[in-house]
Every structure is written in C-alpha cells, then in structure tokens.
Amino acid sequence: MKSVIVIASPGQGAQTPGFLQPWLDVPEVADRLAWWSAVTGLDLVRYGTTADAEEIRDTAVAQPLLVAAALAAARALDVTPDVVAGHSVGELVAAAIAGVLTPESALVFVRERGRAMAEASAVTETGMTAVLGGDPDEVLTAIDKHGLTPANVNGAGQVVAAGTMDKLAAFADEPPAKARLRPLSVAGAFHTAHMAPAVDRLAALAAGMPVTDPATRLLSNADGAVVTSGREYVDRLVRQVSSPVRWDACMATMRELGVTAVIELPPAGTLVGLVRRELKGVQTLALKGPEDLDKARELIKAHAS
C-alpha cells in the first residue's frame, strides 16, 4: 500500500505560554523569528516565551504567533508532504508549505487577519464553546435552537458552538443530552457572521497578494476538497473567516486519499487527537518540541519505505 503523509497545522486556542522556548535552540529559528517579528510588527519571541496566557489570547497576537511557530518548525523539519492541511488560521501555514504563499505573504495576511478579527470581535461580546459527545444531530439542533453557529465541525464527536455570550450562557443552561461543554479561550465568535467586517477587509488585501498554485495536495476547511488553484485557495481563506471550519470533511478526504500518517506542527496535540479518534490505524505524531524532529523524520522514512 502506498504511504500518504499529511502535515497539519493547528488553529487558535492551541497556544500555551512558553511553547516557543525550546525551538529557539534550533539553528536559524531565532533569526527567522526576528525577521518575521519585523514582518508582523510583533515581538514573536517574547510572546512565544515569556508572555502570559492572557497576552497570547489576544487574537491579533495569537494568530501571527501560531503561524510563525508552525512555519519555523516546518522549515526545521524540511520535508515535502503528500498532503497539507490546517485548522482555521493553520490554513495559512498549509498554504505556505504548499507554495501558494511565501512565508512573508502568509505572515502579512495573518497579521491583517488577526487585527481585523480582533476588531470585529470588539463590536459585540461573543465567544465559542466546545461541545464534546452527544448525538451529532441533537447537538446541531440544540446549537440552532439557541441561535448559535456550529463554527467548527471537527469530527470525532466534537463541535464548537459560537455566538453572543448571552446565547452561549443559555446554551450552557440547557446542554444537549450526554454532551460536555467547554468554553474556549478565544476572544470572539470566529467563523460566524460576526466576522463579516474582517472578510471585506481581507478580500481587498488578497486581491493584490502574489499567489502560486500548490505544489502538493492542499485541503480546504470549507468542504475538505483538494484545491489545485492557488487563487481559489486564497479566496477560500478570505471567506473562511466568517464560515464554519469543516475539519470533519478534511479528515474524510484524508481517508479517501489513503492517508497513513499525520504529523501536527506546534503547538501540536489537538489535531492528531481528532485523527486518532476518527481515522483508526493512521499513525500520528505531535511535533511539540525539537526533540520530536528526529521522530518525525523516522516516521516519514518508515512510511516512504
């Protein structure tokens, strides 16, 4: 059986204080982060090492930090995967790995994305709550009943509801049967209509952004499709800001493609957890720190042979 290896990049909420610290010991990572700090207008090293949880919860900080960290780790790993995918803001990392965007273009886009989404979040007090377990149809019915949006349909029994805080509170008071609710550490209702102002701003920016068609298979959060046009993928990136993330559809495509291994870039753990529950038999590796680089290379080599 032919091996198919995916490199995946996580979305906002995966960040934790100090997660970038061990990566600074990897050759050239500190230099890249210094350059990318100039690109984003943020001290990425400080935010990734000594900043507290509240500072890196800020959407305008979290998104560039996540993209920069994942790109730095991908450069250090230095492999060409068969498939790339990202969850929410992680799609920008996937676009850069696939060659659709340069790292600098991805970082400029995420800088403006983070700012625009932070501004949109400030208009109305909104948030997101993970719904774990329960009957899938009943979960979606309950979300709709409370006027919320299923902003992330992640598969493996996980959906994220998003909307105003009062509606989320009412939802918490009347949760779906056999489901657990977990409020997420994000600053707004991402991937909902509340983000419409950010879409308009990013559409104007993306029109002039240099784009190349992907050099490897690139999955889209919109529907799990393999997108072969760089311009179409960027258009999808813009629309995705106010549209639900269908990670379940991305995993369904991975199954169709015969994926045999998934490596998640830092701050890793969330996506490979979903893959383990949904795609039985697929090997996974969470690239949490530099000590995992050799493990990732060995996994790739084993599947290549």
Protein backbone atom coordinates (compact mmCIF):
# COMPACT_ATOMS: atom_id res chain seq x y z
CA MET A 1 0.00 0.00 0.00
CA LYS A 2 1.34 3.42 -0.94
CA SER A 3 2.02 5.70 2.01
CA VAL A 4 0.40 9.13 2.18
CA ILE A 5 1.77 11.57 4.76
CA VAL A 6 -0.05 14.68 5.97
CA ILE A 7 1.44 17.69 7.69
CA ALA A 8 -1.22 19.57 9.62
CA SER A 9 -1.20 22.91 11.43
CA PRO A 10 -3.44 23.74 14.42
CA GLY A 11 -5.71 26.72 14.95
CA GLN A 12 -6.22 29.42 17.54
CA GLY A 13 -6.59 28.21 21.09
CA ALA A 14 -3.73 25.70 20.78
CA GLN A 15 -1.18 28.22 22.07
CA THR A 16 0.18 27.94 25.63
CA PRO A 17 2.63 30.21 27.49
CA GLY A 18 6.27 29.44 26.67
CA PHE A 19 5.57 26.88 23.92
CA LEU A 20 8.10 28.50 21.58
CA GLN A 21 11.02 28.46 24.05
CA PRO A 22 12.65 25.12 23.09
CA TRP A 23 12.50 25.95 19.38
CA LEU A 24 14.91 28.87 19.83
CA ASP A 25 17.75 26.37 20.23
CA VAL A 26 17.19 25.06 16.69
CA PRO A 27 19.64 26.63 14.19
CA GLU A 28 18.21 29.63 12.28
CA VAL A 29 14.85 29.61 14.10
CA ALA A 30 15.67 32.64 16.26
CA ASP A 31 16.91 34.52 13.18
CA ARG A 32 13.74 33.71 11.24
CA LEU A 33 11.56 34.78 14.14
CA ALA A 34 13.45 38.08 14.39
CA TRP A 35 12.74 38.73 10.70
CA TRP A 36 9.13 37.60 10.97
CA SER A 37 8.70 39.84 14.02
CA ALA A 38 9.55 42.77 11.73
CA VAL A 39 7.02 41.49 9.18
CA THR A 40 4.21 41.15 11.72
CA GLY A 41 5.09 44.14 13.91
CA LEU A 42 5.07 41.84 16.96
CA ASP A 43 7.85 40.58 19.24
CA LEU A 44 7.14 36.95 18.42
CA VAL A 45 9.98 35.62 20.58
CA ARG A 46 8.67 37.39 23.69
CA TYR A 47 5.09 36.35 23.02
CA GLY A 48 6.16 32.74 22.48
CA THR A 49 8.42 32.51 25.54
CA THR A 50 7.65 34.88 28.43
CA ALA A 51 4.18 36.32 27.71
CA ASP A 52 1.33 35.07 29.88
CA ALA A 53 -1.84 33.28 28.76
CA GLU A 54 -3.92 36.45 28.63
CA GLU A 55 -1.45 38.25 26.37
CA ILE A 56 -1.34 35.43 23.83
CA ARG A 57 -5.11 35.03 23.96
CA ASP A 58 -5.38 38.35 22.09
CA THR A 59 -6.46 37.44 18.54
CA ALA A 60 -4.09 39.99 16.97
CA VAL A 61 -1.19 38.27 18.78
CA ALA A 62 -2.26 34.63 18.82
CA GLN A 63 -2.77 34.22 15.09
CA PRO A 64 0.62 35.55 13.87
CA LEU A 65 2.35 33.71 16.72
CA LEU A 66 0.78 30.38 15.75
CA VAL A 67 1.58 30.79 12.07
CA ALA A 68 5.18 31.83 12.73
CA ALA A 69 5.80 28.96 15.14
CA ALA A 70 4.38 26.34 12.78
CA LEU A 71 6.30 27.74 9.81
CA ALA A 72 9.54 27.72 11.80
CA ALA A 73 9.01 24.08 12.78
CA ALA A 74 8.10 23.13 9.20
CA ARG A 75 11.34 24.73 7.98
CA ALA A 76 13.31 22.80 10.60
CA LEU A 77 11.61 19.52 9.62
CA ASP A 78 12.34 20.25 5.94
CA VAL A 79 10.21 17.59 4.24
CA THR A 80 7.72 17.69 1.39
CA PRO A 81 4.46 16.02 2.50
CA ASP A 82 1.94 14.30 0.25
CA VAL A 83 -0.90 16.38 1.72
CA VAL A 84 -1.07 19.57 3.80
CA ALA A 85 -3.98 20.86 5.85
CA GLY A 86 -4.60 23.44 8.54
CA HIS A 87 -7.35 24.15 11.02
CA SER A 88 -8.66 27.73 10.75
CA VAL A 89 -5.62 30.05 10.91
CA GLY A 90 -3.48 26.94 10.37
CA GLU A 91 -4.63 27.02 6.74
CA LEU A 92 -2.17 29.86 6.18
CA VAL A 93 0.66 27.58 7.26
CA ALA A 94 -0.64 24.90 4.91
CA ALA A 95 -0.74 27.44 2.07
CA ALA A 96 2.88 28.40 2.70
CA ILE A 97 4.08 24.78 2.88
CA ALA A 98 2.27 24.03 -0.38
CA GLY A 99 3.91 27.05 -2.03
CA VAL A 100 0.69 29.02 -2.57
CA LEU A 101 2.07 31.85 -0.42
CA THR A 102 5.57 32.79 0.66
CA PRO A 103 6.11 32.74 4.43
CA GLU A 104 6.19 36.55 4.39
CA SER A 105 2.91 36.77 2.47
CA ALA A 106 1.30 34.34 4.89
CA LEU A 107 2.51 36.43 7.83
CA VAL A 108 1.29 39.71 6.32
CA PHE A 109 -2.08 38.11 5.67
CA VAL A 110 -2.32 36.68 9.20
CA ARG A 111 -1.23 39.99 10.69
CA GLU A 112 -4.15 41.71 9.00
CA ARG A 113 -6.46 38.75 9.65
CA GLY A 114 -5.75 38.85 13.37
CA ARG A 115 -6.25 42.60 13.58
CA ALA A 116 -9.45 42.53 11.55
CA MET A 117 -10.94 39.64 13.52
CA ALA A 118 -9.99 41.30 16.82
CA GLU A 119 -11.76 44.49 15.71
CA ALA A 120 -14.83 42.53 14.60
CA SER A 121 -14.86 40.71 17.95
CA ALA A 122 -14.88 44.01 19.82
CA VAL A 123 -18.20 45.08 18.26
CA THR A 124 -20.27 42.55 20.25
CA GLU A 125 -19.27 40.33 23.18
CA THR A 126 -19.06 36.89 21.64
CA GLY A 127 -17.33 33.59 22.30
CA MET A 128 -17.05 29.89 21.48
CA THR A 129 -17.86 26.69 23.39
CA ALA A 130 -16.71 23.19 22.50
CA VAL A 131 -19.42 20.52 22.61
CA LEU A 132 -17.94 17.10 23.32
CA GLY A 133 -20.01 13.96 22.75
CA GLY A 134 -23.76 13.68 22.45
CA ASP A 135 -25.77 12.67 19.42
CA PRO A 136 -24.46 14.70 16.44
CA ASP A 137 -27.91 15.59 15.14
CA GLU A 138 -29.15 16.54 18.60
CA VAL A 139 -26.06 18.71 19.16
CA LEU A 140 -26.61 20.63 15.91
CA THR A 141 -30.33 21.01 16.67
CA ALA A 142 -29.55 22.43 20.13
CA ILE A 143 -26.98 24.84 18.70
CA ASP A 144 -29.51 26.10 16.15
CA LYS A 145 -32.25 26.33 18.78
CA HIS A 146 -30.18 28.80 20.78
CA GLY A 147 -29.33 30.96 17.77
CA LEU A 148 -25.71 29.86 17.69
CA THR A 149 -23.49 28.73 14.80
CA PRO A 150 -21.61 25.39 14.56
CA ALA A 151 -18.40 27.29 13.82
CA ASN A 152 -16.11 24.24 13.92
CA VAL A 153 -17.38 20.79 12.96
CA ASN A 154 -14.29 18.88 13.98
CA GLY A 155 -15.42 15.27 13.74
CA ALA A 156 -14.69 12.64 16.40
CA GLY A 157 -17.69 13.86 18.39
CA GLN A 158 -16.60 17.48 18.67
CA VAL A 159 -18.47 20.58 17.51
CA VAL A 160 -17.79 24.18 18.52
CA ALA A 161 -20.76 26.48 19.04
CA ALA A 162 -20.23 30.22 18.60
CA GLY A 163 -22.24 33.37 19.12
CA THR A 164 -23.07 36.03 21.69
CA MET A 165 -22.23 35.40 25.33
CA ASP A 166 -25.86 35.55 26.44
CA LYS A 167 -26.83 32.86 23.91
CA LEU A 168 -23.85 30.72 24.95
CA ALA A 169 -24.95 31.07 28.59
CA ALA A 170 -28.47 29.93 27.71
CA PHE A 171 -26.97 27.01 25.76
CA ALA A 172 -24.89 26.05 28.82
CA ASP A 173 -28.05 26.03 30.94
CA GLU A 174 -29.72 23.63 28.51
CA PRO A 175 -26.96 21.47 27.00
CA PRO A 176 -27.58 18.59 24.59
CA ALA A 177 -28.06 15.20 26.23
CA LYS A 178 -24.87 13.30 27.10
CA ALA A 179 -22.67 16.19 25.91
CA ARG A 180 -19.98 18.07 27.83
CA LEU A 181 -19.47 21.80 27.23
CA ARG A 182 -16.09 23.52 27.47
CA PRO A 183 -15.76 27.29 26.91
CA LEU A 184 -12.75 28.09 24.69
CA SER A 185 -10.05 30.66 25.38
CA VAL A 186 -10.75 32.81 22.32
CA ALA A 187 -11.82 36.41 22.05
CA GLY A 188 -14.77 36.14 19.69
CA ALA A 189 -17.20 34.10 17.60
CA PHE A 190 -14.82 33.19 14.80
CA HIS A 191 -16.14 31.60 11.61
CA THR A 192 -19.58 33.16 12.04
CA ALA A 193 -21.43 36.14 10.59
CA HIS A 194 -19.93 38.27 13.38
CA MET A 195 -16.68 38.22 11.36
CA ALA A 196 -18.20 39.77 8.19
CA PRO A 197 -16.28 43.08 8.56
CA ALA A 198 -13.00 41.14 8.57
CA VAL A 199 -13.95 39.34 5.34
CA ASP A 200 -14.37 42.63 3.48
CA ARG A 201 -11.00 43.90 4.68
CA LEU A 202 -9.15 40.70 3.79
CA ALA A 203 -10.79 40.48 0.36
CA ALA A 204 -9.36 43.90 -0.52
CA LEU A 205 -5.91 42.82 0.68
CA ALA A 206 -5.92 39.43 -1.03
CA ALA A 207 -6.70 40.88 -4.46
CA GLY A 208 -3.12 42.08 -4.86
CA MET A 209 -1.32 39.30 -2.99
CA PRO A 210 1.15 37.20 -5.05
CA VAL A 211 -0.18 33.64 -5.35
CA THR A 212 1.13 30.40 -6.89
CA ASP A 213 -0.70 27.12 -7.48
CA PRO A 214 0.03 24.47 -4.82
CA ALA A 215 2.90 22.06 -5.35
CA THR A 216 1.26 19.34 -3.25
CA ARG A 217 -2.29 18.35 -2.32
CA LEU A 218 -3.85 21.11 -0.23
CA LEU A 219 -7.09 20.59 1.71
CA SER A 220 -9.68 23.30 2.35
CA ASN A 221 -11.60 23.81 5.60
CA ALA A 222 -14.68 24.83 3.61
CA ASP A 223 -15.52 21.32 2.44
CA GLY A 224 -12.41 19.15 2.70
CA ALA A 225 -11.73 19.49 -1.04
CA VAL A 226 -8.28 19.21 -2.58
CA VAL A 227 -7.78 22.67 -4.10
CA THR A 228 -5.48 22.89 -7.13
CA SER A 229 -5.73 26.64 -7.80
CA GLY A 230 -3.75 28.99 -5.58
CA ARG A 231 -6.08 31.90 -6.29
CA GLU A 232 -9.14 29.81 -5.42
CA TYR A 233 -7.48 28.73 -2.18
CA VAL A 234 -6.78 32.33 -1.17
CA ASP A 235 -10.39 33.25 -1.98
CA ARG A 236 -11.45 30.41 0.29
CA LEU A 237 -9.12 31.70 3.04
CA VAL A 238 -10.92 35.03 2.91
CA ARG A 239 -14.42 33.53 3.02
CA GLN A 240 -13.46 31.04 5.73
CA VAL A 241 -13.14 33.82 8.30
CA SER A 242 -16.95 34.00 8.54
CA SER A 243 -17.74 30.40 7.50
CA PRO A 244 -17.66 27.19 9.57
CA VAL A 245 -14.48 25.10 9.68
CA ARG A 246 -15.21 21.57 8.45
CA TRP A 247 -12.27 19.63 9.84
CA ASP A 248 -14.51 16.56 9.72
CA ALA A 249 -14.63 16.94 5.94
CA CYS A 250 -10.83 17.30 5.81
CA MET A 251 -10.46 14.01 7.69
CA ALA A 252 -12.98 12.35 5.37
CA THR A 253 -10.79 13.40 2.43
CA MET A 254 -7.71 12.06 4.22
CA ARG A 255 -9.48 8.71 4.47
CA GLU A 256 -10.34 8.79 0.75
CA LEU A 257 -6.72 9.62 -0.11
CA GLY A 258 -5.48 6.65 1.91
CA VAL A 259 -3.54 8.72 4.42
CA THR A 260 -1.19 6.56 6.51
CA ALA A 261 0.43 9.15 8.84
CA VAL A 262 -0.32 12.64 10.16
CA ILE A 263 2.31 14.94 11.69
CA GLU A 264 0.99 18.01 13.52
CA LEU A 265 3.11 21.15 13.75
CA PRO A 266 3.45 23.04 17.05
CA PRO A 267 1.72 23.79 19.29
CA ALA A 268 0.69 20.23 18.48
CA GLY A 269 -1.78 17.81 20.02
CA THR A 270 -5.32 18.87 19.12
CA LEU A 271 -5.49 17.70 15.51
CA VAL A 272 -3.68 14.40 15.95
CA GLY A 273 -6.08 13.70 18.83
CA LEU A 274 -9.02 14.10 16.45
CA VAL A 275 -7.29 11.98 13.81
CA ARG A 276 -6.62 9.16 16.30
CA ARG A 277 -10.30 9.01 17.21
CA GLU A 278 -11.64 9.34 13.66
CA LEU A 279 -9.07 7.59 11.43
CA LYS A 280 -8.22 4.30 13.09
CA GLY A 281 -4.90 2.82 12.02
CA VAL A 282 -3.38 6.12 10.87
CA GLN A 283 -0.11 6.83 12.66
CA THR A 284 0.17 10.24 14.29
CA LEU A 285 2.92 12.37 15.75
CA ALA A 286 2.58 15.63 17.65
CA LEU A 287 5.63 17.77 16.90
CA LYS A 288 5.67 19.50 20.27
CA GLY A 289 9.38 20.33 20.50
CA PRO A 290 12.71 19.96 18.67
CA GLU A 291 13.22 16.58 20.33
CA ASP A 292 10.38 15.30 18.12
CA LEU A 293 12.04 16.28 14.82
CA ASP A 294 14.02 13.05 14.51
CA LYS A 295 10.91 11.03 15.43
CA ALA A 296 9.01 12.78 12.65
CA ARG A 297 11.77 12.11 10.13
CA GLU A 298 11.91 8.45 11.17
CA LEU A 299 8.13 8.17 10.77
CA ILE A 300 8.33 9.69 7.29
CA LYS A 301 11.22 7.41 6.33
CA ALA A 302 9.37 4.33 7.58
CA HIS A 303 6.29 5.17 5.55
CA ALA A 304 8.33 6.07 2.47
CA SER A 305 9.92 2.61 2.53
